[in-house]
Amino acid sequence: MTVGNGARLIPCVGAIVHDDSGRLLVIRRANPPAEGMWSIPGGRCEVGETASQACAREVHEETGLSVEVGELLGTVERQAPSGGIYVIDDFRAHLSPHGPTTPRAGDDASAARWVTRAELRELPTSPGLIEALTEWNCLPD
């Protein structure tokens, strides 16, 4: 899909996951864009995949955790290194009740962890993350 200026729109998803203590699940990006920065788990939707399916898959690939995807919290757009535009639908997600709770980095993540609000503010985060989480009232406790 393209927009009026010819830029290719790339559908993506992100997952906003809090644990029982109110901490937020974050990953350190292993690849561009924002390589080395901390963000929420997420990535591109695959052909034939719903946004909810993509969200659960990305969380599992990047953290090893299983989630149940909930409501859409908001959408952000970011420039893609290829010149397209990532259109990222960010969803609330909850840990699956019988799965693991300790994240382990995998796929496009070089690290994965739970963070408090204070810890999140100390990390180098991807552009716009703190602002979006603030707007959607999703900052960790």
N, C-alpha and C. Protein backbone atom coordinates (compact mmCIF):
# COMPACT_ATOMS: atom_id res chain seq x y z
N MET A 1 0.84 -1.16 0.00
CA MET A 1 0.00 0.00 0.00
C MET A 1 0.90 1.24 0.00
N THR A 2 0.48 2.27 -0.71
CA THR A 2 1.24 3.52 -0.74
C THR A 2 0.30 4.68 -0.42
N VAL A 3 0.90 5.82 -0.05
CA VAL A 3 0.14 7.03 0.21
C VAL A 3 0.39 8.01 -0.92
N GLY A 4 -0.26 9.17 -0.86
CA GLY A 4 -0.20 10.15 -1.93
C GLY A 4 1.19 10.53 -2.39
N ASN A 5 2.18 10.54 -1.49
CA ASN A 5 3.53 10.92 -1.88
C ASN A 5 4.33 9.72 -2.40
N GLY A 6 3.67 8.56 -2.54
CA GLY A 6 4.33 7.37 -3.08
C GLY A 6 5.05 6.53 -2.05
N ALA A 7 5.04 6.94 -0.79
CA ALA A 7 5.71 6.16 0.26
C ALA A 7 4.95 4.87 0.52
N ARG A 8 5.68 3.79 0.64
CA ARG A 8 5.07 2.49 0.92
C ARG A 8 4.75 2.39 2.41
N LEU A 9 3.49 2.02 2.72
CA LEU A 9 3.08 1.83 4.11
C LEU A 9 3.34 0.38 4.50
N ILE A 10 3.99 0.20 5.62
CA ILE A 10 4.38 -1.13 6.09
C ILE A 10 3.64 -1.41 7.39
N PRO A 11 2.67 -2.34 7.38
CA PRO A 11 1.91 -2.61 8.61
C PRO A 11 2.75 -3.32 9.66
N CYS A 12 2.72 -2.77 10.87
CA CYS A 12 3.49 -3.30 12.00
C CYS A 12 2.63 -3.28 13.25
N VAL A 13 3.12 -3.96 14.28
CA VAL A 13 2.42 -4.00 15.56
C VAL A 13 3.41 -3.86 16.70
N GLY A 14 2.90 -3.47 17.85
CA GLY A 14 3.67 -3.44 19.07
C GLY A 14 2.80 -3.92 20.22
N ALA A 15 3.42 -4.45 21.26
CA ALA A 15 2.68 -4.97 22.41
C ALA A 15 3.08 -4.24 23.68
N ILE A 16 2.08 -3.72 24.38
CA ILE A 16 2.29 -3.08 25.66
C ILE A 16 1.83 -4.07 26.72
N VAL A 17 2.83 -4.66 27.40
CA VAL A 17 2.58 -5.74 28.36
C VAL A 17 3.10 -5.32 29.72
N HIS A 18 2.24 -5.41 30.73
CA HIS A 18 2.63 -5.15 32.11
C HIS A 18 2.52 -6.46 32.91
N ASP A 19 3.41 -6.64 33.86
CA ASP A 19 3.31 -7.81 34.73
C ASP A 19 2.44 -7.48 35.94
N ASP A 20 2.29 -8.42 36.86
CA ASP A 20 1.44 -8.23 38.04
C ASP A 20 1.93 -7.11 38.95
N SER A 21 3.20 -6.74 38.83
CA SER A 21 3.76 -5.65 39.64
C SER A 21 3.65 -4.30 38.94
N GLY A 22 3.10 -4.28 37.71
CA GLY A 22 2.96 -3.04 36.97
C GLY A 22 4.16 -2.67 36.13
N ARG A 23 5.18 -3.55 36.09
CA ARG A 23 6.35 -3.27 35.27
C ARG A 23 6.01 -3.50 33.79
N LEU A 24 6.75 -2.83 32.92
CA LEU A 24 6.54 -2.88 31.48
C LEU A 24 7.58 -3.80 30.84
N LEU A 25 7.15 -4.61 29.88
CA LEU A 25 8.04 -5.47 29.11
C LEU A 25 8.69 -4.65 28.01
N VAL A 26 10.03 -4.64 27.98
CA VAL A 26 10.77 -3.92 26.94
C VAL A 26 11.86 -4.81 26.37
N ILE A 27 12.25 -4.47 25.14
CA ILE A 27 13.36 -5.17 24.49
C ILE A 27 14.35 -4.13 23.98
N ARG A 28 15.62 -4.53 23.89
CA ARG A 28 16.63 -3.67 23.26
C ARG A 28 16.73 -4.14 21.82
N ARG A 29 16.51 -3.22 20.89
CA ARG A 29 16.47 -3.54 19.46
C ARG A 29 17.86 -3.93 18.96
N ALA A 30 17.92 -5.05 18.26
CA ALA A 30 19.19 -5.56 17.74
C ALA A 30 19.47 -5.07 16.32
N ASN A 31 18.46 -4.48 15.67
CA ASN A 31 18.58 -4.05 14.27
C ASN A 31 17.97 -2.68 14.06
N PRO A 32 18.33 -2.01 12.96
CA PRO A 32 17.69 -0.74 12.62
C PRO A 32 16.20 -0.95 12.35
N PRO A 33 15.36 0.03 12.52
CA PRO A 33 15.70 1.34 13.06
C PRO A 33 15.83 1.28 14.59
N ALA A 34 16.44 2.26 15.14
CA ALA A 34 16.62 2.41 16.59
C ALA A 34 17.43 1.26 17.20
N GLU A 35 18.39 0.74 16.44
CA GLU A 35 19.26 -0.32 16.94
C GLU A 35 19.92 0.12 18.25
N GLY A 36 19.90 -0.77 19.25
CA GLY A 36 20.50 -0.46 20.54
C GLY A 36 19.60 0.29 21.49
N MET A 37 18.45 0.74 21.01
CA MET A 37 17.50 1.48 21.84
C MET A 37 16.49 0.50 22.44
N TRP A 38 15.88 0.89 23.52
CA TRP A 38 14.86 0.07 24.18
C TRP A 38 13.48 0.48 23.68
N SER A 39 12.62 -0.51 23.50
CA SER A 39 11.26 -0.27 23.02
C SER A 39 10.37 -1.41 23.49
N ILE A 40 9.11 -1.37 23.09
CA ILE A 40 8.22 -2.48 23.36
C ILE A 40 8.42 -3.53 22.28
N PRO A 41 8.11 -4.80 22.55
CA PRO A 41 8.24 -5.82 21.52
C PRO A 41 7.28 -5.55 20.36
N GLY A 42 7.73 -5.87 19.16
CA GLY A 42 6.86 -5.68 18.00
C GLY A 42 7.62 -5.82 16.71
N GLY A 43 6.90 -5.68 15.62
CA GLY A 43 7.53 -5.79 14.31
C GLY A 43 6.50 -5.82 13.20
N ARG A 44 6.95 -6.23 12.04
CA ARG A 44 6.11 -6.25 10.84
C ARG A 44 5.08 -7.37 10.87
N CYS A 45 3.92 -7.08 10.30
CA CYS A 45 2.90 -8.10 10.09
C CYS A 45 3.30 -8.92 8.87
N GLU A 46 3.09 -10.21 8.93
CA GLU A 46 3.35 -11.08 7.80
C GLU A 46 2.09 -11.21 6.95
N VAL A 47 2.26 -11.53 5.68
CA VAL A 47 1.14 -11.68 4.75
C VAL A 47 0.17 -12.72 5.30
N GLY A 48 -1.12 -12.38 5.31
CA GLY A 48 -2.16 -13.29 5.76
C GLY A 48 -2.35 -13.35 7.26
N GLU A 49 -1.60 -12.57 8.00
CA GLU A 49 -1.64 -12.58 9.46
C GLU A 49 -2.46 -11.40 9.95
N THR A 50 -3.32 -11.61 10.94
CA THR A 50 -4.03 -10.48 11.54
C THR A 50 -3.06 -9.70 12.42
N ALA A 51 -3.43 -8.48 12.76
CA ALA A 51 -2.59 -7.67 13.64
C ALA A 51 -2.43 -8.35 14.99
N SER A 52 -3.49 -8.95 15.50
CA SER A 52 -3.43 -9.64 16.78
C SER A 52 -2.48 -10.84 16.71
N GLN A 53 -2.55 -11.60 15.65
CA GLN A 53 -1.64 -12.74 15.48
C GLN A 53 -0.19 -12.27 15.40
N ALA A 54 0.03 -11.19 14.65
CA ALA A 54 1.39 -10.65 14.50
C ALA A 54 1.92 -10.18 15.85
N CYS A 55 1.08 -9.55 16.62
CA CYS A 55 1.48 -9.03 17.93
C CYS A 55 1.92 -10.18 18.85
N ALA A 56 1.11 -11.22 18.94
CA ALA A 56 1.46 -12.37 19.79
C ALA A 56 2.73 -13.05 19.29
N ARG A 57 2.86 -13.19 17.97
CA ARG A 57 4.06 -13.83 17.40
C ARG A 57 5.30 -13.03 17.71
N GLU A 58 5.25 -11.71 17.51
CA GLU A 58 6.42 -10.86 17.75
C GLU A 58 6.85 -10.90 19.22
N VAL A 59 5.90 -10.86 20.15
CA VAL A 59 6.25 -10.94 21.56
C VAL A 59 6.96 -12.26 21.84
N HIS A 60 6.41 -13.34 21.31
CA HIS A 60 7.01 -14.65 21.56
C HIS A 60 8.40 -14.75 20.95
N GLU A 61 8.56 -14.27 19.71
CA GLU A 61 9.87 -14.34 19.05
C GLU A 61 10.92 -13.51 19.77
N GLU A 62 10.53 -12.33 20.26
CA GLU A 62 11.50 -11.41 20.84
C GLU A 62 11.74 -11.63 22.33
N THR A 63 10.80 -12.26 23.03
CA THR A 63 10.94 -12.39 24.49
C THR A 63 10.74 -13.81 25.01
N GLY A 64 10.20 -14.70 24.20
CA GLY A 64 9.89 -16.05 24.65
C GLY A 64 8.62 -16.15 25.47
N LEU A 65 7.91 -15.04 25.64
CA LEU A 65 6.69 -15.02 26.44
C LEU A 65 5.45 -15.17 25.55
N SER A 66 4.43 -15.79 26.09
CA SER A 66 3.15 -15.94 25.39
C SER A 66 2.18 -14.91 25.96
N VAL A 67 1.45 -14.24 25.04
CA VAL A 67 0.50 -13.23 25.47
C VAL A 67 -0.86 -13.42 24.80
N GLU A 68 -1.85 -12.84 25.45
CA GLU A 68 -3.19 -12.72 24.89
C GLU A 68 -3.33 -11.25 24.52
N VAL A 69 -3.63 -10.99 23.26
CA VAL A 69 -3.67 -9.62 22.76
C VAL A 69 -5.05 -9.01 23.00
N GLY A 70 -5.05 -7.81 23.54
CA GLY A 70 -6.28 -7.10 23.85
C GLY A 70 -6.55 -5.96 22.88
N GLU A 71 -7.01 -4.85 23.43
CA GLU A 71 -7.48 -3.74 22.60
C GLU A 71 -6.34 -2.92 22.00
N LEU A 72 -6.66 -2.29 20.87
CA LEU A 72 -5.75 -1.36 20.22
C LEU A 72 -5.68 -0.10 21.07
N LEU A 73 -4.48 0.32 21.45
CA LEU A 73 -4.30 1.51 22.27
C LEU A 73 -3.99 2.75 21.44
N GLY A 74 -3.36 2.56 20.30
CA GLY A 74 -3.01 3.70 19.46
C GLY A 74 -2.15 3.26 18.29
N THR A 75 -1.93 4.20 17.39
CA THR A 75 -1.13 3.94 16.20
C THR A 75 -0.10 5.06 16.05
N VAL A 76 1.11 4.67 15.72
CA VAL A 76 2.17 5.64 15.45
C VAL A 76 2.77 5.33 14.08
N GLU A 77 3.38 6.33 13.48
CA GLU A 77 4.08 6.15 12.21
C GLU A 77 5.54 6.52 12.39
N ARG A 78 6.40 5.71 11.80
CA ARG A 78 7.85 5.95 11.86
C ARG A 78 8.44 5.72 10.48
N GLN A 79 9.47 6.46 10.15
CA GLN A 79 10.18 6.28 8.88
C GLN A 79 10.90 4.93 8.90
N ALA A 80 10.77 4.18 7.83
CA ALA A 80 11.47 2.91 7.70
C ALA A 80 12.81 3.17 7.01
N PRO A 81 13.85 2.41 7.34
CA PRO A 81 15.15 2.60 6.70
C PRO A 81 15.07 2.45 5.18
N SER A 82 14.11 1.67 4.70
CA SER A 82 13.95 1.43 3.26
C SER A 82 13.26 2.59 2.55
N GLY A 83 12.85 3.61 3.29
CA GLY A 83 12.17 4.75 2.70
C GLY A 83 10.67 4.69 2.84
N GLY A 84 10.12 3.58 3.28
CA GLY A 84 8.69 3.46 3.51
C GLY A 84 8.32 4.05 4.85
N ILE A 85 7.08 3.83 5.23
CA ILE A 85 6.58 4.30 6.51
C ILE A 85 6.02 3.12 7.28
N TYR A 86 6.56 2.87 8.48
CA TYR A 86 6.00 1.86 9.36
C TYR A 86 4.73 2.45 9.98
N VAL A 87 3.62 1.77 9.84
CA VAL A 87 2.37 2.14 10.51
C VAL A 87 2.19 1.09 11.61
N ILE A 88 2.42 1.52 12.86
CA ILE A 88 2.51 0.59 13.98
C ILE A 88 1.27 0.69 14.86
N ASP A 89 0.48 -0.38 14.87
CA ASP A 89 -0.67 -0.48 15.77
C ASP A 89 -0.18 -1.09 17.07
N ASP A 90 -0.33 -0.34 18.16
CA ASP A 90 0.12 -0.81 19.47
C ASP A 90 -1.07 -1.31 20.29
N PHE A 91 -0.95 -2.55 20.76
CA PHE A 91 -2.02 -3.22 21.48
C PHE A 91 -1.64 -3.47 22.92
N ARG A 92 -2.66 -3.45 23.79
CA ARG A 92 -2.46 -3.94 25.16
C ARG A 92 -2.42 -5.46 25.07
N ALA A 93 -1.52 -6.08 25.79
CA ALA A 93 -1.44 -7.54 25.82
C ALA A 93 -1.20 -7.98 27.25
N HIS A 94 -1.66 -9.18 27.55
CA HIS A 94 -1.53 -9.74 28.90
C HIS A 94 -0.80 -11.07 28.81
N LEU A 95 0.05 -11.33 29.79
CA LEU A 95 0.74 -12.61 29.83
C LEU A 95 -0.26 -13.75 29.87
N SER A 96 0.01 -14.80 29.11
CA SER A 96 -0.81 -16.00 29.18
C SER A 96 -0.67 -16.59 30.57
N PRO A 97 -1.77 -17.04 31.18
CA PRO A 97 -1.73 -17.45 32.58
C PRO A 97 -0.84 -18.65 32.89
N HIS A 98 -0.57 -19.50 31.91
CA HIS A 98 0.20 -20.71 32.21
C HIS A 98 1.57 -20.72 31.55
N GLY A 99 1.98 -19.58 31.02
CA GLY A 99 3.27 -19.52 30.35
C GLY A 99 4.36 -18.96 31.24
N PRO A 100 5.58 -18.88 30.71
CA PRO A 100 6.69 -18.30 31.48
C PRO A 100 6.47 -16.81 31.73
N THR A 101 7.15 -16.28 32.73
CA THR A 101 7.04 -14.86 33.06
C THR A 101 8.38 -14.13 33.00
N THR A 102 9.46 -14.89 32.79
CA THR A 102 10.78 -14.28 32.69
C THR A 102 11.16 -14.16 31.22
N PRO A 103 11.33 -12.93 30.72
CA PRO A 103 11.66 -12.78 29.30
C PRO A 103 13.10 -13.19 29.00
N ARG A 104 13.30 -13.68 27.78
CA ARG A 104 14.64 -13.98 27.27
C ARG A 104 14.71 -13.42 25.86
N ALA A 105 15.78 -12.74 25.55
CA ALA A 105 15.92 -12.09 24.25
C ALA A 105 16.02 -13.12 23.13
N GLY A 106 15.39 -12.80 22.01
CA GLY A 106 15.45 -13.65 20.83
C GLY A 106 15.12 -12.84 19.60
N ASP A 107 15.32 -13.41 18.43
CA ASP A 107 14.99 -12.82 17.14
C ASP A 107 15.64 -11.42 17.00
N ASP A 108 14.84 -10.37 16.91
CA ASP A 108 15.36 -9.01 16.69
C ASP A 108 15.70 -8.27 17.97
N ALA A 109 15.70 -8.96 19.10
CA ALA A 109 16.00 -8.32 20.39
C ALA A 109 17.35 -8.80 20.91
N SER A 110 18.17 -7.86 21.38
CA SER A 110 19.45 -8.24 21.97
C SER A 110 19.35 -8.37 23.49
N ALA A 111 18.23 -7.89 24.06
CA ALA A 111 17.96 -8.03 25.50
C ALA A 111 16.47 -7.84 25.70
N ALA A 112 15.95 -8.41 26.78
CA ALA A 112 14.54 -8.27 27.13
C ALA A 112 14.44 -8.24 28.65
N ARG A 113 13.56 -7.38 29.15
CA ARG A 113 13.42 -7.27 30.61
C ARG A 113 12.14 -6.54 30.98
N TRP A 114 11.79 -6.65 32.25
CA TRP A 114 10.70 -5.88 32.84
C TRP A 114 11.30 -4.62 33.47
N VAL A 115 10.62 -3.46 33.33
CA VAL A 115 11.14 -2.23 33.92
C VAL A 115 10.04 -1.46 34.65
N THR A 116 10.47 -0.76 35.69
CA THR A 116 9.60 0.19 36.38
C THR A 116 9.64 1.52 35.62
N ARG A 117 8.83 2.46 36.03
CA ARG A 117 8.82 3.78 35.40
C ARG A 117 10.19 4.45 35.54
N ALA A 118 10.77 4.39 36.73
CA ALA A 118 12.08 5.01 36.95
C ALA A 118 13.15 4.36 36.08
N GLU A 119 13.13 3.03 36.00
CA GLU A 119 14.11 2.33 35.16
C GLU A 119 13.93 2.68 33.69
N LEU A 120 12.69 2.76 33.24
CA LEU A 120 12.43 3.10 31.83
C LEU A 120 12.99 4.47 31.50
N ARG A 121 12.82 5.41 32.39
CA ARG A 121 13.30 6.78 32.14
C ARG A 121 14.82 6.87 32.07
N GLU A 122 15.53 5.88 32.63
CA GLU A 122 16.99 5.85 32.59
C GLU A 122 17.54 5.18 31.32
N LEU A 123 16.68 4.48 30.59
CA LEU A 123 17.14 3.75 29.39
C LEU A 123 17.09 4.64 28.15
N PRO A 124 17.99 4.40 27.19
CA PRO A 124 17.85 5.07 25.89
C PRO A 124 16.71 4.38 25.14
N THR A 125 15.61 5.10 24.95
CA THR A 125 14.43 4.51 24.34
C THR A 125 14.25 4.98 22.89
N SER A 126 13.51 4.19 22.14
CA SER A 126 13.24 4.54 20.74
C SER A 126 12.44 5.84 20.68
N PRO A 127 12.63 6.62 19.61
CA PRO A 127 11.97 7.92 19.50
C PRO A 127 10.45 7.81 19.64
N GLY A 128 9.89 8.63 20.51
CA GLY A 128 8.45 8.71 20.67
C GLY A 128 7.84 7.69 21.63
N LEU A 129 8.64 6.75 22.14
CA LEU A 129 8.07 5.70 23.00
C LEU A 129 7.47 6.29 24.27
N ILE A 130 8.23 7.07 25.00
CA ILE A 130 7.76 7.62 26.28
C ILE A 130 6.52 8.48 26.05
N GLU A 131 6.54 9.28 24.99
CA GLU A 131 5.41 10.16 24.70
C GLU A 131 4.14 9.35 24.41
N ALA A 132 4.26 8.30 23.60
CA ALA A 132 3.09 7.48 23.28
C ALA A 132 2.57 6.77 24.52
N LEU A 133 3.46 6.18 25.31
CA LEU A 133 3.03 5.50 26.52
C LEU A 133 2.35 6.47 27.49
N THR A 134 2.87 7.69 27.57
CA THR A 134 2.27 8.71 28.43
C THR A 134 0.87 9.07 27.92
N GLU A 135 0.76 9.31 26.63
CA GLU A 135 -0.53 9.69 26.03
C GLU A 135 -1.58 8.62 26.25
N TRP A 136 -1.18 7.37 26.16
CA TRP A 136 -2.13 6.24 26.30
C TRP A 136 -2.26 5.76 27.74
N ASN A 137 -1.64 6.47 28.69
CA ASN A 137 -1.67 6.11 30.10
C ASN A 137 -1.18 4.69 30.35
N CYS A 138 -0.04 4.36 29.73
CA CYS A 138 0.51 3.00 29.81
C CYS A 138 1.92 2.94 30.38
N LEU A 139 2.37 4.01 31.01
CA LEU A 139 3.69 3.95 31.64
C LEU A 139 3.67 2.92 32.76
N PRO A 140 4.81 2.27 33.00
CA PRO A 140 4.84 1.31 34.11
C PRO A 140 4.71 2.02 35.44
N ASP A 141 4.41 1.21 36.48
CA ASP A 141 4.30 1.77 37.85
C ASP A 141 5.67 2.08 38.40
